[in-house]
Protein backbone atom coordinates (compact mmCIF):
# COMPACT_ATOMS: atom_id res chain seq x y z
CA MET A 1 -19.28 -11.94 -26.61
CA THR A 2 -21.56 -13.13 -23.83
CA ASP A 3 -19.69 -15.49 -21.54
CA THR A 4 -21.69 -17.65 -19.13
CA PRO A 5 -19.54 -20.70 -18.36
CA PHE A 6 -21.31 -21.21 -15.06
CA ASN A 7 -24.77 -22.56 -14.36
CA THR A 8 -26.88 -20.36 -12.11
CA PRO A 9 -30.50 -20.33 -10.99
CA GLU A 10 -30.73 -16.78 -12.36
CA PRO A 11 -32.54 -16.82 -15.70
CA ASP A 12 -32.59 -13.01 -15.60
CA LEU A 13 -28.81 -12.62 -15.22
CA ARG A 14 -26.14 -12.57 -17.91
CA ARG A 15 -22.42 -11.90 -17.77
CA LEU A 16 -20.06 -10.30 -20.24
CA ILE A 17 -16.31 -10.33 -19.62
CA ALA A 18 -14.37 -7.21 -20.66
CA PRO A 19 -11.24 -7.70 -22.78
CA ASN A 20 -8.82 -6.62 -20.02
CA PRO A 21 -7.18 -9.79 -18.67
CA SER A 22 -4.20 -9.31 -16.33
CA PRO A 23 -2.69 -10.68 -13.12
CA MET A 24 -4.91 -8.20 -11.23
CA THR A 25 -8.15 -8.75 -13.19
CA GLU A 26 -8.15 -12.50 -13.95
CA ARG A 27 -9.82 -13.03 -17.36
CA GLY A 28 -11.21 -9.48 -17.26
CA THR A 29 -13.88 -7.43 -15.55
CA ASN A 30 -17.28 -9.06 -15.15
CA THR A 31 -20.15 -6.94 -16.46
CA TYR A 32 -23.57 -8.15 -15.32
CA LEU A 33 -26.86 -7.51 -17.11
CA LEU A 34 -30.20 -8.03 -15.37
CA GLY A 35 -33.51 -8.14 -17.22
CA GLU A 36 -34.55 -8.21 -20.85
CA SER A 37 -36.62 -5.13 -21.70
CA ASP A 38 -35.36 -2.63 -19.10
CA VAL A 39 -31.83 -3.82 -18.49
CA THR A 40 -29.79 -2.92 -15.43
CA VAL A 41 -26.04 -2.99 -16.10
CA ILE A 42 -23.64 -3.58 -13.18
CA ASP A 43 -19.98 -2.57 -13.66
CA PRO A 44 -19.74 -1.73 -17.37
CA GLY A 45 -15.97 -1.97 -17.10
CA PRO A 46 -12.95 -0.25 -18.65
CA LEU A 47 -13.17 2.27 -21.47
CA SER A 48 -13.38 -0.27 -24.28
CA GLU A 49 -15.62 0.53 -27.25
CA PRO A 50 -15.78 -3.14 -28.34
CA HIS A 51 -16.97 -4.10 -24.86
CA GLY A 52 -19.46 -1.24 -24.89
CA GLN A 53 -20.80 -2.43 -28.21
CA ALA A 54 -21.06 -5.99 -26.84
CA ILE A 55 -23.25 -4.63 -24.04
CA LEU A 56 -25.47 -2.78 -26.51
CA ASP A 57 -25.69 -5.87 -28.72
CA ASP A 58 -26.75 -7.97 -25.75
CA VAL A 59 -29.45 -5.46 -24.80
CA GLY A 60 -30.70 -5.61 -28.36
CA GLN A 61 -34.27 -4.35 -28.71
CA GLY A 62 -34.48 -3.60 -25.01
CA ARG A 63 -33.10 -0.51 -23.33
CA VAL A 64 -30.51 0.18 -20.68
CA ALA A 65 -32.55 1.48 -17.75
CA GLN A 66 -29.68 2.22 -15.34
CA ILE A 67 -25.99 1.62 -14.83
CA LEU A 68 -24.71 0.58 -11.39
CA VAL A 69 -21.03 0.85 -10.48
CA THR A 70 -19.45 -0.96 -7.53
CA HIS A 71 -16.43 1.37 -7.31
CA ALA A 72 -14.33 3.91 -9.19
CA HIS A 73 -11.43 1.85 -10.44
CA LEU A 74 -10.38 2.07 -14.09
CA ASP A 75 -11.32 -1.56 -14.75
CA HIS A 76 -14.90 -1.05 -13.50
CA SER A 77 -16.23 2.47 -14.02
CA PRO A 78 -14.97 4.39 -17.09
CA LEU A 79 -17.34 2.76 -19.59
CA ALA A 80 -20.31 3.92 -17.50
CA ARG A 81 -20.26 7.43 -18.98
CA TRP A 82 -19.72 6.10 -22.51
CA LEU A 83 -22.74 3.83 -22.11
CA SER A 84 -24.84 6.55 -20.47
CA ASP A 85 -24.11 8.97 -23.32
CA ARG A 86 -25.38 6.42 -25.86
CA THR A 87 -28.44 5.21 -23.97
CA GLY A 88 -29.51 8.05 -21.69
CA ALA A 89 -29.36 5.70 -18.70
CA PRO A 90 -28.25 7.25 -15.40
CA VAL A 91 -25.10 6.14 -13.61
CA LEU A 92 -25.62 5.14 -9.97
CA ALA A 93 -22.85 4.72 -7.38
CA PHE A 94 -21.91 5.63 -3.82
CA GLY A 95 -20.09 8.74 -4.98
CA ASP A 96 -16.99 9.96 -6.78
CA ALA A 97 -13.51 8.51 -6.43
CA THR A 98 -12.89 10.11 -3.02
CA ALA A 99 -16.30 9.38 -1.50
CA GLY A 100 -16.35 7.07 1.50
CA ARG A 101 -12.70 7.45 2.42
CA SER A 102 -12.30 7.17 6.19
CA ASP A 103 -11.28 10.19 8.24
CA ARG A 104 -8.17 8.29 9.29
CA MET A 105 -7.06 7.74 5.70
CA ALA A 106 -7.92 11.32 4.77
CA SER A 107 -5.67 12.53 7.60
CA LEU A 108 -2.60 10.62 6.42
CA ASN A 109 -0.23 12.25 3.93
CA ASP A 110 2.46 10.70 1.76
CA LEU A 111 0.89 7.24 1.57
CA GLY A 112 1.29 7.00 -2.19
CA GLY A 113 -1.24 4.63 -3.69
CA GLY A 114 -3.85 5.75 -6.17
CA GLU A 115 -3.41 2.66 -8.34
CA GLY A 116 -6.02 2.46 -11.06
CA VAL A 117 -8.29 5.20 -9.69
CA ASP A 118 -10.86 6.65 -12.09
CA HIS A 119 -10.42 10.24 -10.92
CA GLY A 120 -12.97 11.55 -13.40
CA PHE A 121 -15.79 9.31 -12.24
CA ALA A 122 -18.97 11.12 -11.23
CA PRO A 123 -22.32 9.33 -10.90
CA ASP A 124 -25.62 10.91 -11.87
CA ARG A 125 -27.20 9.58 -8.68
CA THR A 126 -25.58 8.63 -5.41
CA LEU A 127 -26.69 5.56 -3.50
CA ALA A 128 -26.50 5.62 0.29
CA ASP A 129 -25.99 2.46 2.31
CA GLY A 130 -29.31 0.60 2.24
CA ALA A 131 -30.70 2.42 -0.79
CA VAL A 132 -33.07 0.33 -2.92
CA VAL A 133 -32.96 0.40 -6.72
CA GLU A 134 -36.00 -0.96 -8.52
CA THR A 135 -35.35 -3.13 -11.57
CA GLU A 136 -37.40 -5.15 -14.01
CA VAL A 137 -36.36 -8.33 -12.19
CA GLY A 138 -36.73 -7.24 -8.58
CA PRO A 139 -35.21 -4.71 -6.21
CA ILE A 140 -31.48 -4.29 -5.63
CA THR A 141 -30.24 -3.09 -2.24
CA ALA A 142 -26.98 -1.16 -2.05
CA LEU A 143 -24.63 -2.22 0.74
CA TRP A 144 -21.72 0.14 1.40
CA THR A 145 -18.64 -2.07 1.67
CA PRO A 146 -15.48 0.07 1.80
CA GLY A 147 -12.11 -1.55 2.27
CA HIS A 148 -10.82 -2.30 -1.21
CA PHE A 149 -11.97 1.21 -2.11
CA GLY A 150 -13.77 3.93 -0.17
CA ASN A 151 -16.78 4.24 -2.49
CA HIS A 152 -17.23 0.48 -2.90
CA LEU A 153 -20.79 -0.85 -2.97
CA SER A 154 -22.01 -4.42 -3.05
CA PHE A 155 -25.48 -5.06 -4.47
CA LEU A 156 -27.95 -7.51 -2.92
CA TRP A 157 -30.47 -9.08 -5.29
CA ARG A 158 -32.82 -12.02 -4.77
CA GLY A 159 -30.57 -13.65 -2.17
CA ALA A 160 -27.42 -13.20 -4.23
CA ALA A 161 -24.82 -10.45 -3.96
CA PHE A 162 -22.69 -8.65 -6.51
CA SER A 163 -19.53 -8.24 -4.45
CA GLY A 164 -17.29 -6.24 -6.80
CA ASP A 165 -13.68 -6.52 -5.70
CA LEU A 166 -14.45 -6.91 -2.00
CA VAL A 167 -14.74 -10.71 -2.20
CA MET A 168 -13.55 -12.78 -5.13
CA GLY A 169 -13.00 -16.49 -5.43
CA TRP A 170 -9.79 -16.48 -7.46
CA ALA A 171 -7.62 -14.09 -5.42
CA SER A 172 -7.38 -12.24 -2.15
CA THR A 173 -8.39 -8.58 -2.18
CA PHE A 174 -5.92 -5.79 -2.93
CA VAL A 175 -5.98 -3.13 -0.20
CA SER A 176 -3.81 -0.08 -0.88
CA PRO A 177 -4.13 2.97 1.38
CA PRO A 178 -5.42 5.64 1.35
CA ASP A 179 -8.04 4.34 -1.13
CA GLY A 180 -8.04 0.97 0.60
CA ASP A 181 -8.52 0.58 4.34
CA LEU A 182 -7.88 -2.73 6.09
CA THR A 183 -10.02 -1.83 9.10
CA ASP A 184 -12.93 -1.08 6.77
CA PHE A 185 -12.21 -4.20 4.71
CA ARG A 186 -12.62 -6.48 7.69
CA ALA A 187 -15.82 -4.73 8.77
CA SER A 188 -17.26 -4.88 5.25
CA CYS A 189 -16.50 -8.59 4.89
CA ARG A 190 -18.37 -9.25 8.12
CA ALA A 191 -21.28 -7.05 7.03
CA LEU A 192 -21.59 -8.95 3.75
CA ARG A 193 -21.28 -12.29 5.52
CA ASP A 194 -24.04 -11.26 7.92
CA ARG A 195 -26.39 -10.83 4.95
CA ALA A 196 -25.90 -14.56 4.25
CA PRO A 197 -25.95 -14.38 0.43
CA ARG A 198 -26.32 -17.77 -1.25
CA VAL A 199 -23.83 -16.86 -4.00
CA LEU A 200 -21.46 -13.99 -4.83
CA TYR A 201 -21.09 -12.61 -8.32
CA SER A 202 -17.75 -10.88 -8.07
CA GLY A 203 -15.99 -8.28 -10.18
CA HIS A 204 -13.54 -10.83 -11.59
CA GLY A 205 -13.60 -14.60 -11.84
CA ASP A 206 -16.38 -17.13 -11.45
CA PRO A 207 -19.17 -17.03 -8.85
CA VAL A 208 -18.38 -17.81 -5.23
CA ALA A 209 -20.67 -20.71 -4.40
CA ASP A 210 -20.09 -20.71 -0.63
CA PRO A 211 -19.78 -17.06 0.44
CA ARG A 212 -19.42 -17.70 4.17
CA VAL A 213 -16.52 -20.09 3.69
CA ARG A 214 -14.78 -17.69 1.30
CA ILE A 215 -15.25 -14.63 3.52
CA ASP A 216 -14.04 -16.53 6.57
CA TRP A 217 -10.96 -17.58 4.58
CA LEU A 218 -10.25 -13.98 3.55
CA LEU A 219 -10.50 -12.77 7.15
CA ALA A 220 -8.31 -15.61 8.39
CA HIS A 221 -5.81 -14.86 5.61
CA ARG A 222 -5.55 -11.26 6.81
CA ASP A 223 -5.12 -12.41 10.39
CA ALA A 224 -2.33 -14.76 9.29
CA ARG A 225 -0.56 -12.00 7.35
CA GLU A 226 -0.80 -9.75 10.40
CA ASP A 227 0.80 -12.45 12.54
CA GLN A 228 3.58 -12.85 9.97
CA ILE A 229 4.25 -9.10 9.93
CA LEU A 230 4.40 -8.93 13.71
CA ALA A 231 6.73 -11.93 13.79
CA ALA A 232 8.94 -10.35 11.13
CA LEU A 233 9.20 -7.17 13.20
CA GLN A 234 10.59 -9.29 16.04
CA SER A 235 13.72 -9.55 13.88
CA GLY A 236 14.08 -5.79 14.02
CA PRO A 237 12.54 -2.56 12.73
CA ALA A 238 11.76 -2.55 9.02
CA SER A 239 10.17 -0.68 6.15
CA PRO A 240 7.13 -2.04 4.26
CA ALA A 241 9.37 -3.19 1.40
CA THR A 242 11.68 -5.09 3.76
CA LEU A 243 8.74 -6.67 5.54
CA THR A 244 7.32 -7.78 2.19
CA GLU A 245 10.53 -9.63 1.40
CA ARG A 246 10.42 -11.28 4.84
CA VAL A 247 6.75 -12.21 4.72
CA TYR A 248 5.77 -12.84 1.09
CA THR A 249 8.21 -15.67 0.49
CA ASP A 250 5.39 -17.63 -1.19
CA VAL A 251 4.71 -14.95 -3.80
CA ASP A 252 6.42 -14.26 -7.14
CA PRO A 253 8.76 -11.28 -6.55
CA ARG A 254 7.15 -9.56 -9.54
CA MET A 255 4.06 -9.18 -7.34
CA TRP A 256 5.99 -7.65 -4.44
CA PRO A 257 5.11 -4.03 -5.32
CA ALA A 258 1.41 -4.87 -4.93
CA ALA A 259 2.15 -6.97 -1.85
CA THR A 260 4.00 -4.01 -0.31
CA ARG A 261 0.83 -1.96 -0.55
CA ASN A 262 -1.05 -4.69 1.32
CA VAL A 263 1.69 -4.72 3.97
CA LEU A 264 1.36 -0.94 4.34
CA ALA A 265 -2.40 -1.37 4.90
CA HIS A 266 -1.64 -3.81 7.72
CA LEU A 267 0.94 -1.45 9.22
CA VAL A 268 -1.51 1.48 9.27
CA ASP A 269 -4.04 -0.73 11.04
CA LEU A 270 -1.45 -2.00 13.55
CA VAL A 271 -0.25 1.54 14.33
CA ASP A 272 -3.84 2.62 14.97
CA ARG A 273 -4.29 -0.32 17.34
CA GLU A 274 -0.98 0.55 19.06
CA GLU A 275 0.50 -2.86 18.32
CA ILE A 276 3.48 -1.19 16.64
CA PHE A 277 4.94 2.32 16.29
CA VAL A 278 6.69 4.21 13.52
CA ASP A 279 9.60 6.59 13.13
CA GLY A 280 8.01 9.86 12.05
CA ALA A 281 4.93 9.78 9.84
CA VAL A 282 3.36 6.68 8.35
CA SER A 283 4.63 6.32 4.78
CA PRO A 284 5.76 3.63 2.33
CA THR A 285 9.39 4.22 3.34
CA ALA A 286 8.93 4.69 7.11
CA ILE A 287 10.54 2.34 9.62
CA PHE A 288 8.13 0.42 11.83
CA HIS A 289 8.87 -1.11 15.24
CA ARG A 290 7.27 -3.80 17.37
CA ARG A 291 6.18 -2.57 20.80
């Protein structure tokens, strides 16, 4: 079912919400459709035949011209191939599930991670940073925004931006190395902010009406978490799990496994900046020390 509970100045934009609600996806993945006759689909979503049929029903007598994917997570990309097989539309993305990973992350072993990765994802066409995709309702510019995921793209369109999971209004962004990279996340947030979009249509949740304020909050939130981690290490060396218990006192313990991955992302960044050091190799069970 088409779900558009928000008013926008975009008469050419529609949203469908996939039936995959969870604590990590809010009400479900947002699928965006642009145009009427030659429809561009952004983030078709998880492999759900009912959701795929809802997309086809919405397109109706038109056709799917192309399918754009922000990143290769299982809640965003798997339905792309299903939809392509039924419509003949090409799938466009930055690359496969390992594309865009930083050299630093590629050099680290034993980081764990891999949550929700669509390992089988392979686009028909790759989009480089700055690539322009023509649509029935105006051009879309691809902006490479790694951080949440190495192959993450945001899409700029008519002064708005489709920000995937990089920036959302309902939750802070999950960053789990080696697929996620906190250094890249901060840089990508600034790059998106510099484009000054008037609104963000994110991968989950409602539109972000004041992108600059939200991005500044996300960056400040990361800075605050970093300060908390450094303060916690003053109490003595600790593993990521121990630091999570010390720092995430405001979070339901059921969310600590995900929070621990965010802590690990901070620790990798802090080691690289020589703010802290580690016994042996960086890993989810390593012991980290304050310098």
